[in-house]
C-alpha cells in the first residue's frame, strides 16, 4: 500500500518485525497509540490488553484471525493483526470506534430499558386479569377496583408508547419542524394552566406580550411542557416559575422550581433516556430526553442547572421574534 495513502488513513497502521521493533507507523498510529519513530520498540498502551503480545502471536504458526475490541479510559479501539506473508513485518491496524461503540451500547440499553418499562404495566394487567377470572369479577367492589387498575396501567402503556414514538421520530428526523413566529407568553400560560402542582406550590408566568420565538409551536410546547411537568413532580413546596425574556437576537425561556434539585451525578445524566433519579417519583425518564431532542430539532439550545435541596432551572434559547400588537 503506498505510503501516501497510509498517511491519510484514519486508522492506525503499524508495521512491526519479529523483534517487536517498529518498521513504520502512520500519523494515525502515532496519535492513537503514542508509537515512536521506526526503530523504536512497539509500546503497550493499554493496561488490560497487550499489543506486544498480539504482535508476537502474529509470527507464530497459528496467528490470531479475529480482531479484538479494547476498552481503555472510556475509549474503544478495534485492533486487528495481519501476519507476515512475503515481507518480514506483520501489520497492526487500530481503529478508534468510540462513537460507534457508544451508539451501539446506547441503542442496546434503550431497547432493554424500553422492554423493561413495557413489561411492568403489562405484568400488572395480566395479574389483575388473573384475579378477575379467579372470581373477583363476581364481586362488584373488587371488580371495579381491579378494572380501575387495568385502566391506570393501560394509560401508562399508552403514554410510554407515545413517548417512544415521539423520541424515535425526532431522532430519525421523521418529524420535521415547521418554523413560525410563536408568541411565548400565551404558550407558557397554556402550559402552566395544565399543571397539577402539589398543594401550596405557586405556579407563575412572567413574559411580556412582545416576546416571541422562531420555532415549531408543537415541538416547543412539547419540550416546555415536559420540563414544567418534571418540575411539578419534584416540587412539594415553594414555586414553579415559567419565564420568557428577549436577549437581543435570542429569546430565553426559563423554567425554575424550588424542588428537590439534583446532585452533580444526576445533572450529568438528566437528559439520558430512561434515567430517573432515586427520589421515587413516577415516570419513564423520557421527559427531559424528549425535551432536549425537540429543542435541538428546532435549532435551539437547552441547559440545566440544579442544586440538591434547592431546586432546578432549565433554560431554552431560541432565535427571537418580536410580536407586534
C-alpha atoms as a PDB file:
ATOM      1  CA  UNK A   1       0.000   0.000   0.000  1.00  0.00           C
ATOM      2  CA  UNK A   2       1.573   3.357  -0.997  1.00  0.00           C
ATOM      3  CA  UNK A   3       2.840   5.362   1.945  1.00  0.00           C
ATOM      4  CA  UNK A   4       0.891   8.436   0.820  1.00  0.00           C
ATOM      5  CA  UNK A   5      -2.344   6.511   1.189  1.00  0.00           C
ATOM      6  CA  UNK A   6      -1.352   5.202   4.611  1.00  0.00           C
ATOM      7  CA  UNK A   7      -0.689   8.713   5.899  1.00  0.00           C
ATOM      8  CA  UNK A   8      -4.266   9.712   5.057  1.00  0.00           C
ATOM      9  CA  UNK A   9      -5.986   6.776   6.740  1.00  0.00           C
ATOM     10  CA  UNK A  10      -7.931   7.479   9.964  1.00  0.00           C
ATOM     11  CA  UNK A  11      -6.957   4.007  11.176  1.00  0.00           C
ATOM     12  CA  UNK A  12      -3.584   3.496  12.773  1.00  0.00           C
ATOM     13  CA  UNK A  13      -1.252   1.215  10.815  1.00  0.00           C
ATOM     14  CA  UNK A  14       1.960  -0.138  12.303  1.00  0.00           C
ATOM     15  CA  UNK A  15       4.487  -2.435  10.647  1.00  0.00           C
ATOM     16  CA  UNK A  16       6.485  -4.395  13.193  1.00  0.00           C
ATOM     17  CA  UNK A  17       9.219  -7.027  12.851  1.00  0.00           C
ATOM     18  CA  UNK A  18       9.644 -10.279  14.795  1.00  0.00           C
ATOM     19  CA  UNK A  19      11.649  -8.457  17.475  1.00  0.00           C
ATOM     20  CA  UNK A  20       8.633  -6.186  18.019  1.00  0.00           C
ATOM     21  CA  UNK A  21      10.502  -3.214  16.641  1.00  0.00           C
ATOM     22  CA  UNK A  22       8.553  -0.641  14.645  1.00  0.00           C
ATOM     23  CA  UNK A  23       9.366  -0.561  10.942  1.00  0.00           C
ATOM     24  CA  UNK A  24       6.696   2.012  10.045  1.00  0.00           C
ATOM     25  CA  UNK A  25       3.826   3.849  11.733  1.00  0.00           C
ATOM     26  CA  UNK A  26       1.407   6.217  10.030  1.00  0.00           C
ATOM     27  CA  UNK A  27       0.281   9.501  11.678  1.00  0.00           C
ATOM     28  CA  UNK A  28      -2.974   7.963  12.951  1.00  0.00           C
ATOM     29  CA  UNK A  29      -0.998   5.251  14.763  1.00  0.00           C
ATOM     30  CA  UNK A  30       1.218   7.873  16.348  1.00  0.00           C
ATOM     31  CA  UNK A  31      -1.903   9.684  17.562  1.00  0.00           C
ATOM     32  CA  UNK A  32      -3.868   6.648  18.748  1.00  0.00           C
ATOM     33  CA  UNK A  33      -1.048   4.569  20.220  1.00  0.00           C
ATOM     34  CA  UNK A  34       1.636   7.078  21.002  1.00  0.00           C
ATOM     35  CA  UNK A  35       4.132   4.999  18.997  1.00  0.00           C
ATOM     36  CA  UNK A  36       7.548   6.372  18.250  1.00  0.00           C
ATOM     37  CA  UNK A  37       9.741   6.507  15.168  1.00  0.00           C
ATOM     38  CA  UNK A  38      10.933   3.484  13.156  1.00  0.00           C
ATOM     39  CA  UNK A  39      13.458   1.545  15.197  1.00  0.00           C
ATOM     40  CA  UNK A  40      11.632   2.108  18.486  1.00  0.00           C
ATOM     41  CA  UNK A  41      10.096  -0.831  20.355  1.00  0.00           C
ATOM     42  CA  UNK A  42       6.364  -1.387  19.997  1.00  0.00           C
ATOM     43  CA  UNK A  43       4.620   0.069  23.077  1.00  0.00           C
ATOM     44  CA  UNK A  44       1.915  -1.467  25.230  1.00  0.00           C
ATOM     45  CA  UNK A  45      -0.517   1.472  25.567  1.00  0.00           C
ATOM     46  CA  UNK A  46      -3.396  -0.333  27.299  1.00  0.00           C
ATOM     47  CA  UNK A  47      -3.357  -1.857  30.796  1.00  0.00           C
ATOM     48  CA  UNK A  48      -5.877  -4.631  30.059  1.00  0.00           C
ATOM     49  CA  UNK A  49      -4.722  -5.693  26.603  1.00  0.00           C
ATOM     50  CA  UNK A  50      -1.160  -6.387  25.402  1.00  0.00           C
ATOM     51  CA  UNK A  51      -0.462  -5.018  21.962  1.00  0.00           C
ATOM     52  CA  UNK A  52       3.022  -6.552  22.077  1.00  0.00           C
ATOM     53  CA  UNK A  53       1.591  -9.989  22.831  1.00  0.00           C
ATOM     54  CA  UNK A  54      -0.758  -9.696  19.854  1.00  0.00           C
ATOM     55  CA  UNK A  55       2.134  -8.687  17.613  1.00  0.00           C
ATOM     56  CA  UNK A  56       4.291 -11.586  18.856  1.00  0.00           C
ATOM     57  CA  UNK A  57       1.487 -14.065  18.157  1.00  0.00           C
ATOM     58  CA  UNK A  58       1.340 -12.912  14.532  1.00  0.00           C
ATOM     59  CA  UNK A  59       4.725 -14.503  13.917  1.00  0.00           C
ATOM     60  CA  UNK A  60       3.662 -17.936  15.209  1.00  0.00           C
ATOM     61  CA  UNK A  61       2.337 -20.824  13.148  1.00  0.00           C
ATOM     62  CA  UNK A  62      -1.241 -20.230  14.339  1.00  0.00           C
ATOM     63  CA  UNK A  63      -1.660 -16.435  14.333  1.00  0.00           C
ATOM     64  CA  UNK A  64      -4.954 -14.907  15.577  1.00  0.00           C
ATOM     65  CA  UNK A  65      -7.514 -14.377  12.838  1.00  0.00           C
ATOM     66  CA  UNK A  66     -10.035 -12.183  14.611  1.00  0.00           C
ATOM     67  CA  UNK A  67      -9.901  -8.616  15.817  1.00  0.00           C
ATOM     68  CA  UNK A  68     -10.334  -7.512  19.425  1.00  0.00           C
ATOM     69  CA  UNK A  69     -12.364  -4.704  20.969  1.00  0.00           C
ATOM     70  CA  UNK A  70     -10.254  -2.904  23.550  1.00  0.00           C
ATOM     71  CA  UNK A  71     -11.706  -0.504  26.121  1.00  0.00           C
ATOM     72  CA  UNK A  72      -9.382   1.909  27.863  1.00  0.00           C
ATOM     73  CA  UNK A  73     -10.093   5.157  29.700  1.00  0.00           C
ATOM     74  CA  UNK A  74     -13.669   5.374  28.327  1.00  0.00           C
ATOM     75  CA  UNK A  75     -12.487   4.917  24.734  1.00  0.00           C
ATOM     76  CA  UNK A  76     -12.903   1.908  22.461  1.00  0.00           C
ATOM     77  CA  UNK A  77     -10.435   0.577  19.886  1.00  0.00           C
ATOM     78  CA  UNK A  78     -10.777  -2.215  17.343  1.00  0.00           C
ATOM     79  CA  UNK A  79      -7.420  -3.926  16.955  1.00  0.00           C
ATOM     80  CA  UNK A  80      -6.517  -6.387  14.204  1.00  0.00           C
ATOM     81  CA  UNK A  81      -3.274  -8.046  13.191  1.00  0.00           C
ATOM     82  CA  UNK A  82      -2.131  -9.389   9.836  1.00  0.00           C
ATOM     83  CA  UNK A  83       0.666 -11.959   9.966  1.00  0.00           C
ATOM     84  CA  UNK A  84       3.725 -11.541   7.701  1.00  0.00           C
ATOM     85  CA  UNK A  85       3.447 -13.030   4.226  1.00  0.00           C
ATOM     86  CA  UNK A  86       6.314 -12.392   1.849  1.00  0.00           C
ATOM     87  CA  UNK A  87       7.591  -9.476   3.929  1.00  0.00           C
ATOM     88  CA  UNK A  88       9.287  -9.834   7.284  1.00  0.00           C
ATOM     89  CA  UNK A  89       6.891  -7.488   9.038  1.00  0.00           C
ATOM     90  CA  UNK A  90       3.457  -8.021  10.495  1.00  0.00           C
ATOM     91  CA  UNK A  91       0.775  -5.339  10.312  1.00  0.00           C
ATOM     92  CA  UNK A  92      -1.216  -3.957  13.216  1.00  0.00           C
ATOM     93  CA  UNK A  93      -4.376  -1.976  12.433  1.00  0.00           C
ATOM     94  CA  UNK A  94      -6.054   0.123  15.135  1.00  0.00           C
ATOM     95  CA  UNK A  95      -9.371   1.921  14.675  1.00  0.00           C
ATOM     96  CA  UNK A  96     -10.915   4.316  17.211  1.00  0.00           C
ATOM     97  CA  UNK A  97     -14.538   3.102  17.339  1.00  0.00           C
ATOM     98  CA  UNK A  98     -15.535   5.030  20.453  1.00  0.00           C
ATOM     99  CA  UNK A  99     -18.511   6.848  18.937  1.00  0.00           C
ATOM    100  CA  UNK A 100     -19.785   3.772  17.128  1.00  0.00           C
ATOM    101  CA  UNK A 101     -19.490   1.581  20.222  1.00  0.00           C
ATOM    102  CA  UNK A 102     -21.146   4.167  22.464  1.00  0.00           C
ATOM    103  CA  UNK A 103     -24.017   4.456  19.993  1.00  0.00           C
ATOM    104  CA  UNK A 104     -24.351   0.670  19.813  1.00  0.00           C
ATOM    105  CA  UNK A 105     -24.383   0.332  23.592  1.00  0.00           C
ATOM    106  CA  UNK A 106     -26.805   3.225  23.908  1.00  0.00           C
ATOM    107  CA  UNK A 107     -29.186   1.573  21.443  1.00  0.00           C
ATOM    108  CA  UNK A 108     -28.940  -1.735  23.278  1.00  0.00           C
ATOM    109  CA  UNK A 109     -29.587  -0.025  26.607  1.00  0.00           C
ATOM    110  CA  UNK A 110     -32.534   1.823  25.072  1.00  0.00           C
ATOM    111  CA  UNK A 111     -34.119  -1.409  23.860  1.00  0.00           C
ATOM    112  CA  UNK A 112     -33.528  -3.132  27.200  1.00  0.00           C
ATOM    113  CA  UNK A 113     -34.986  -0.212  29.154  1.00  0.00           C
ATOM    114  CA  UNK A 114     -37.976   0.093  26.827  1.00  0.00           C
ATOM    115  CA  UNK A 115     -38.681  -3.626  27.188  1.00  0.00           C
ATOM    116  CA  UNK A 116     -38.466  -3.322  30.972  1.00  0.00           C
ATOM    117  CA  UNK A 117     -40.805  -0.322  31.069  1.00  0.00           C
ATOM    118  CA  UNK A 118     -43.317  -2.111  28.841  1.00  0.00           C
ATOM    119  CA  UNK A 119     -43.113  -5.325  30.844  1.00  0.00           C
ATOM    120  CA  UNK A 120     -44.050  -3.690  34.172  1.00  0.00           C
ATOM    121  CA  UNK A 121     -47.569  -2.446  33.276  1.00  0.00           C
ATOM    122  CA  UNK A 122     -48.210  -5.495  31.102  1.00  0.00           C
ATOM    123  CA  UNK A 123     -47.413  -7.795  34.025  1.00  0.00           C
ATOM    124  CA  UNK A 124     -49.722  -5.755  36.261  1.00  0.00           C
ATOM    125  CA  UNK A 125     -52.575  -6.017  33.741  1.00  0.00           C
ATOM    126  CA  UNK A 126     -52.124  -9.777  33.339  1.00  0.00           C
ATOM    127  CA  UNK A 127     -52.031 -10.201  37.112  1.00  0.00           C
ATOM    128  CA  UNK A 128     -55.255  -8.262  37.566  1.00  0.00           C
ATOM    129  CA  UNK A 129     -56.936 -10.252  34.781  1.00  0.00           C
ATOM    130  CA  UNK A 130     -55.978 -13.478  36.546  1.00  0.00           C
ATOM    131  CA  UNK A 131     -57.574 -12.237  39.750  1.00  0.00           C
ATOM    132  CA  UNK A 132     -60.748 -11.198  37.927  1.00  0.00           C
ATOM    133  CA  UNK A 133     -61.013 -14.544  36.166  1.00  0.00           C
ATOM    134  CA  UNK A 134     -60.427 -16.263  39.514  1.00  0.00           C
ATOM    135  CA  UNK A 135     -63.727 -14.949  40.837  1.00  0.00           C
ATOM    136  CA  UNK A 136     -63.199 -11.275  41.668  1.00  0.00           C
ATOM    137  CA  UNK A 137     -65.352 -10.274  38.662  1.00  0.00           C
ATOM    138  CA  UNK A 138     -68.394 -11.543  40.544  1.00  0.00           C
ATOM    139  CA  UNK A 139     -67.778  -9.156  43.454  1.00  0.00           C
ATOM    140  CA  UNK A 140     -68.819  -5.644  42.329  1.00  0.00           C
ATOM    141  CA  UNK A 141     -66.447  -3.684  44.616  1.00  0.00           C
ATOM    142  CA  UNK A 142     -63.437  -5.873  43.778  1.00  0.00           C
ATOM    143  CA  UNK A 143     -64.310  -5.853  40.092  1.00  0.00           C
ATOM    144  CA  UNK A 144     -64.491  -2.037  39.961  1.00  0.00           C
ATOM    145  CA  UNK A 145     -61.221  -1.713  41.865  1.00  0.00           C
ATOM    146  CA  UNK A 146     -59.356  -4.089  39.555  1.00  0.00           C
ATOM    147  CA  UNK A 147     -60.855  -2.552  36.421  1.00  0.00           C
ATOM    148  CA  UNK A 148     -59.500   0.789  37.624  1.00  0.00           C
ATOM    149  CA  UNK A 149     -56.053  -0.815  37.950  1.00  0.00           C
ATOM    150  CA  UNK A 150     -56.317  -2.049  34.370  1.00  0.00           C
ATOM    151  CA  UNK A 151     -57.220   1.442  33.163  1.00  0.00           C
ATOM    152  CA  UNK A 152     -54.317   3.050  35.045  1.00  0.00           C
ATOM    153  CA  UNK A 153     -51.747   0.640  33.662  1.00  0.00           C
ATOM    154  CA  UNK A 154     -53.262   0.755  30.169  1.00  0.00           C
ATOM    155  CA  UNK A 155     -52.950   4.544  30.166  1.00  0.00           C
ATOM    156  CA  UNK A 156     -49.356   4.183  31.362  1.00  0.00           C
ATOM    157  CA  UNK A 157     -48.648   1.882  28.421  1.00  0.00           C
ATOM    158  CA  UNK A 158     -50.248   4.362  26.054  1.00  0.00           C
ATOM    159  CA  UNK A 159     -48.154   7.258  27.411  1.00  0.00           C
ATOM    160  CA  UNK A 160     -44.975   5.238  27.091  1.00  0.00           C
ATOM    161  CA  UNK A 161     -45.813   4.214  23.509  1.00  0.00           C
ATOM    162  CA  UNK A 162     -46.460   7.858  22.558  1.00  0.00           C
ATOM    163  CA  UNK A 163     -43.221   8.986  24.206  1.00  0.00           C
ATOM    164  CA  UNK A 164     -41.177   6.328  22.451  1.00  0.00           C
ATOM    165  CA  UNK A 165     -42.759   7.225  19.107  1.00  0.00           C
ATOM    166  CA  UNK A 166     -42.062  10.936  19.556  1.00  0.00           C
ATOM    167  CA  UNK A 167     -38.465  10.271  20.571  1.00  0.00           C
ATOM    168  CA  UNK A 168     -37.890   7.963  17.601  1.00  0.00           C
ATOM    169  CA  UNK A 169     -39.403  10.426  15.119  1.00  0.00           C
ATOM    170  CA  UNK A 170     -37.286  13.284  16.461  1.00  0.00           C
ATOM    171  CA  UNK A 171     -34.065  11.309  16.427  1.00  0.00           C
ATOM    172  CA  UNK A 172     -34.585   9.953  12.907  1.00  0.00           C
ATOM    173  CA  UNK A 173     -35.715  13.297  11.523  1.00  0.00           C
ATOM    174  CA  UNK A 174     -39.137  11.917  10.596  1.00  0.00           C
ATOM    175  CA  UNK A 175     -40.786  14.780  12.495  1.00  0.00           C
ATOM    176  CA  UNK A 176     -39.644  17.886  10.639  1.00  0.00           C
ATOM    177  CA  UNK A 177     -40.067  21.286  12.327  1.00  0.00           C
ATOM    178  CA  UNK A 178     -42.298  23.950  10.804  1.00  0.00           C
ATOM    179  CA  UNK A 179     -40.815  27.242  11.955  1.00  0.00           C
ATOM    180  CA  UNK A 180     -43.188  30.116  12.621  1.00  0.00           C
ATOM    181  CA  UNK A 181     -43.305  33.124  14.921  1.00  0.00           C
ATOM    182  CA  UNK A 182     -44.570  31.812  18.255  1.00  0.00           C
ATOM    183  CA  UNK A 183     -45.907  34.182  20.957  1.00  0.00           C
ATOM    184  CA  UNK A 184     -44.200  32.732  24.025  1.00  0.00           C
ATOM    185  CA  UNK A 185     -46.365  34.276  26.755  1.00  0.00           C
ATOM    186  CA  UNK A 186     -49.652  32.578  25.759  1.00  0.00           C
ATOM    187  CA  UNK A 187     -47.778  29.299  25.254  1.00  0.00           C
ATOM    188  CA  UNK A 188     -46.403  29.432  28.795  1.00  0.00           C
ATOM    189  CA  UNK A 189     -49.831  30.362  30.168  1.00  0.00           C
ATOM    190  CA  UNK A 190     -51.340  27.326  28.425  1.00  0.00           C
ATOM    191  CA  UNK A 191     -48.683  25.001  29.836  1.00  0.00           C
ATOM    192  CA  UNK A 192     -48.964  26.462  33.333  1.00  0.00           C
ATOM    193  CA  UNK A 193     -52.739  26.078  33.273  1.00  0.00           C
ATOM    194  CA  UNK A 194     -52.456  22.336  32.665  1.00  0.00           C
ATOM    195  CA  UNK A 195     -50.047  21.641  35.511  1.00  0.00           C
ATOM    196  CA  UNK A 196     -51.213  19.875  38.655  1.00  0.00           C
ATOM    197  CA  UNK A 197     -48.819  21.115  41.347  1.00  0.00           C
ATOM    198  CA  UNK A 198     -48.691  19.951  44.935  1.00  0.00           C
ATOM    199  CA  UNK A 199     -50.870  21.789  47.436  1.00  0.00           C
ATOM    200  CA  UNK A 200     -49.366  25.173  48.289  1.00  0.00           C
ATOM    201  CA  UNK A 201     -46.971  25.298  45.305  1.00  0.00           C
ATOM    202  CA  UNK A 202     -47.459  28.522  43.346  1.00  0.00           C
ATOM    203  CA  UNK A 203     -47.150  28.479  39.560  1.00  0.00           C
ATOM    204  CA  UNK A 204     -46.482  31.805  37.831  1.00  0.00           C
ATOM    205  CA  UNK A 205     -45.726  33.032  34.314  1.00  0.00           C
ATOM    206  CA  UNK A 206     -43.510  36.020  33.559  1.00  0.00           C
ATOM    207  CA  UNK A 207     -43.453  37.211  29.948  1.00  0.00           C
ATOM    208  CA  UNK A 208     -44.176  40.385  28.051  1.00  0.00           C
ATOM    209  CA  UNK A 209     -46.712  40.371  25.228  1.00  0.00           C
ATOM    210  CA  UNK A 210     -43.985  41.263  22.709  1.00  0.00           C
ATOM    211  CA  UNK A 211     -41.761  38.254  23.445  1.00  0.00           C
ATOM    212  CA  UNK A 212     -41.738  35.723  20.638  1.00  0.00           C
ATOM    213  CA  UNK A 213     -39.538  32.993  19.234  1.00  0.00           C
ATOM    214  CA  UNK A 214     -38.923  31.479  15.838  1.00  0.00           C
ATOM    215  CA  UNK A 215     -39.879  27.847  16.436  1.00  0.00           C
ATOM    216  CA  UNK A 216     -42.212  24.982  15.692  1.00  0.00           C
ATOM    217  CA  UNK A 217     -45.034  25.614  18.158  1.00  0.00           C
ATOM    218  CA  UNK A 218     -45.923  21.958  18.701  1.00  0.00           C
ATOM    219  CA  UNK A 219     -42.334  20.885  19.331  1.00  0.00           C
ATOM    220  CA  UNK A 220     -41.681  23.881  21.589  1.00  0.00           C
ATOM    221  CA  UNK A 221     -44.874  23.143  23.508  1.00  0.00           C
ATOM    222  CA  UNK A 222     -43.836  19.511  23.940  1.00  0.00           C
ATOM    223  CA  UNK A 223     -40.365  20.475  25.190  1.00  0.00           C
ATOM    224  CA  UNK A 224     -41.522  23.125  27.669  1.00  0.00           C
ATOM    225  CA  UNK A 225     -44.465  21.059  28.896  1.00  0.00           C
ATOM    226  CA  UNK A 226     -42.155  18.130  29.624  1.00  0.00           C
ATOM    227  CA  UNK A 227     -39.802  20.365  31.609  1.00  0.00           C
ATOM    228  CA  UNK A 228     -42.661  22.001  33.524  1.00  0.00           C
ATOM    229  CA  UNK A 229     -44.279  18.637  34.317  1.00  0.00           C
ATOM    230  CA  UNK A 230     -40.911  17.408  35.548  1.00  0.00           C
ATOM    231  CA  UNK A 231     -40.736  20.389  37.889  1.00  0.00           C
ATOM    232  CA  UNK A 232     -44.240  19.619  39.131  1.00  0.00           C
ATOM    233  CA  UNK A 233     -43.275  16.052  40.035  1.00  0.00           C
ATOM    234  CA  UNK A 234     -40.263  17.163  42.070  1.00  0.00           C
ATOM    235  CA  UNK A 235     -41.619  20.284  43.788  1.00  0.00           C
ATOM    236  CA  UNK A 236     -43.568  19.833  47.018  1.00  0.00           C
ATOM    237  CA  UNK A 237     -43.292  23.391  48.325  1.00  0.00           C
ATOM    238  CA  UNK A 238     -42.398  26.844  47.100  1.00  0.00           C
ATOM    239  CA  UNK A 239     -42.929  27.827  43.478  1.00  0.00           C
ATOM    240  CA  UNK A 240     -42.583  26.968  39.826  1.00  0.00           C
ATOM    241  CA  UNK A 241     -41.854  29.894  37.505  1.00  0.00           C
ATOM    242  CA  UNK A 242     -42.128  29.907  33.717  1.00  0.00           C
ATOM    243  CA  UNK A 243     -40.366  32.996  32.353  1.00  0.00           C
ATOM    244  CA  UNK A 244     -39.541  34.308  28.877  1.00  0.00           C
ATOM    245  CA  UNK A 245     -37.304  37.259  28.085  1.00  0.00           C
ATOM    246  CA  UNK A 246     -35.746  38.754  24.992  1.00  0.00           C
ATOM    247  CA  UNK A 247     -31.966  38.946  24.828  1.00  0.00           C
ATOM    248  CA  UNK A 248     -31.081  40.659  21.579  1.00  0.00           C
ATOM    249  CA  UNK A 249     -31.367  38.115  18.793  1.00  0.00           C
ATOM    250  CA  UNK A 250     -32.224  35.357  21.264  1.00  0.00           C
ATOM    251  CA  UNK A 251     -35.314  34.564  23.294  1.00  0.00           C
ATOM    252  CA  UNK A 252     -34.564  32.789  26.563  1.00  0.00           C
ATOM    253  CA  UNK A 253     -37.251  30.682  28.201  1.00  0.00           C
ATOM    254  CA  UNK A 254     -36.564  29.583  31.753  1.00  0.00           C
ATOM    255  CA  UNK A 255     -38.475  27.141  33.914  1.00  0.00           C
ATOM    256  CA  UNK A 256     -37.288  27.102  37.516  1.00  0.00           C
ATOM    257  CA  UNK A 257     -38.553  25.469  40.674  1.00  0.00           C
ATOM    258  CA  UNK A 258     -37.807  25.140  44.372  1.00  0.00           C
ATOM    259  CA  UNK A 259     -37.990  21.359  44.283  1.00  0.00           C
ATOM    260  CA  UNK A 260     -35.721  18.545  45.324  1.00  0.00           C
ATOM    261  CA  UNK A 261     -32.933  19.530  42.956  1.00  0.00           C
ATOM    262  CA  UNK A 262     -30.244  17.207  41.652  1.00  0.00           C
ATOM    263  CA  UNK A 263     -26.798  16.042  42.619  1.00  0.00           C
ATOM    264  CA  UNK A 264     -23.906  16.582  40.193  1.00  0.00           C
ATOM    265  CA  UNK A 265     -24.207  12.965  39.055  1.00  0.00           C
ATOM    266  CA  UNK A 266     -27.945  13.322  38.443  1.00  0.00           C
ATOM    267  CA  UNK A 267     -27.392  16.534  36.461  1.00  0.00           C
ATOM    268  CA  UNK A 268     -24.856  14.801  34.228  1.00  0.00           C
ATOM    269  CA  UNK A 269     -27.427  12.124  33.340  1.00  0.00           C
ATOM    270  CA  UNK A 270     -30.602  14.237  33.394  1.00  0.00           C
ATOM    271  CA  UNK A 271     -31.119  14.184  29.605  1.00  0.00           C
ATOM    272  CA  UNK A 272     -30.369  10.480  29.201  1.00  0.00           C
ATOM    273  CA  UNK A 273     -33.249   8.322  28.026  1.00  0.00           C
ATOM    274  CA  UNK A 274     -34.920   6.340  30.835  1.00  0.00           C
ATOM    275  CA  UNK A 275     -32.740   7.923  33.520  1.00  0.00           C
ATOM    276  CA  UNK A 276     -34.646   8.553  36.731  1.00  0.00           C
ATOM    277  CA  UNK A 277     -33.281   9.931  39.974  1.00  0.00           C
ATOM    278  CA  UNK A 278     -33.541   7.905  43.160  1.00  0.00           C
ATOM    279  CA  UNK A 279     -36.315  10.005  44.732  1.00  0.00           C
ATOM    280  CA  UNK A 280     -39.022   7.521  43.760  1.00  0.00           C
ATOM    281  CA  UNK A 281     -41.188   9.807  41.585  1.00  0.00           C
ATOM    282  CA  UNK A 282     -43.310   8.187  38.896  1.00  0.00           C
ATOM    283  CA  UNK A 283     -42.387   8.448  35.231  1.00  0.00           C
ATOM    284  CA  UNK A 284     -40.393   6.802  32.481  1.00  0.00           C
ATOM    285  CA  UNK A 285     -37.305   9.003  32.475  1.00  0.00           C
ATOM    286  CA  UNK A 286     -38.126  10.227  28.954  1.00  0.00           C
ATOM    287  CA  UNK A 287     -39.453  13.742  29.598  1.00  0.00           C
ATOM    288  CA  UNK A 288     -36.165  15.639  29.560  1.00  0.00           C
ATOM    289  CA  UNK A 289     -34.730  13.423  26.803  1.00  0.00           C
ATOM    290  CA  UNK A 290     -37.669  14.312  24.549  1.00  0.00           C
ATOM    291  CA  UNK A 291     -37.412  17.992  25.565  1.00  0.00           C
ATOM    292  CA  UNK A 292     -33.770  18.069  24.509  1.00  0.00           C
ATOM    293  CA  UNK A 293     -34.441  16.347  21.190  1.00  0.00           C
ATOM    294  CA  UNK A 294     -37.354  18.696  20.443  1.00  0.00           C
ATOM    295  CA  UNK A 295     -35.323  21.834  21.222  1.00  0.00           C
ATOM    296  CA  UNK A 296     -32.395  20.638  19.120  1.00  0.00           C
ATOM    297  CA  UNK A 297     -34.772  19.831  16.252  1.00  0.00           C
ATOM    298  CA  UNK A 298     -35.928  23.474  16.096  1.00  0.00           C
ATOM    299  CA  UNK A 299     -32.397  24.845  16.262  1.00  0.00           C
ATOM    300  CA  UNK A 300     -32.334  25.854  19.917  1.00  0.00           C
ATOM    301  CA  UNK A 301     -30.231  25.012  22.945  1.00  0.00           C
ATOM    302  CA  UNK A 302     -31.244  23.690  26.352  1.00  0.00           C
ATOM    303  CA  UNK A 303     -29.272  23.842  29.598  1.00  0.00           C
ATOM    304  CA  UNK A 304     -29.978  22.601  33.101  1.00  0.00           C
ATOM    305  CA  UNK A 305     -28.677  23.867  36.432  1.00  0.00           C
ATOM    306  CA  UNK A 306     -29.615  22.308  39.733  1.00  0.00           C
ATOM    307  CA  UNK A 307     -28.608  22.036  43.350  1.00  0.00           C
ATOM    308  CA  UNK A 308     -29.776  19.263  45.636  1.00  0.00           C
ATOM    309  CA  UNK A 309     -32.341  20.519  48.146  1.00  0.00           C
ATOM    310  CA  UNK A 310     -32.585  23.936  46.481  1.00  0.00           C
ATOM    311  CA  UNK A 311     -34.201  23.493  43.083  1.00  0.00           C
ATOM    312  CA  UNK A 312     -33.669  23.280  39.349  1.00  0.00           C
ATOM    313  CA  UNK A 313     -33.722  25.691  36.450  1.00  0.00           C
ATOM    314  CA  UNK A 314     -33.841  24.801  32.762  1.00  0.00           C
ATOM    315  CA  UNK A 315     -33.070  27.400  30.095  1.00  0.00           C
ATOM    316  CA  UNK A 316     -34.104  27.133  26.463  1.00  0.00           C
ATOM    317  CA  UNK A 317     -32.632  29.593  23.965  1.00  0.00           C
ATOM    318  CA  UNK A 318     -34.207  30.195  20.526  1.00  0.00           C
ATOM    319  CA  UNK A 319     -33.990  32.828  17.788  1.00  0.00           C
ATOM    320  CA  UNK A 320     -36.128  35.756  18.867  1.00  0.00           C
ATOM    321  CA  UNK A 321     -39.137  37.151  17.046  1.00  0.00           C
ATOM    322  CA  UNK A 322     -40.917  40.280  18.229  1.00  0.00           C
ATOM    323  CA  UNK A 323     -44.709  40.124  18.454  1.00  0.00           C
ATOM    324  CA  UNK A 324     -46.321  43.265  17.053  1.00  0.00           C
ATOM    325  CA  UNK A 325     -49.621  44.325  18.550  1.00  0.00           C
END
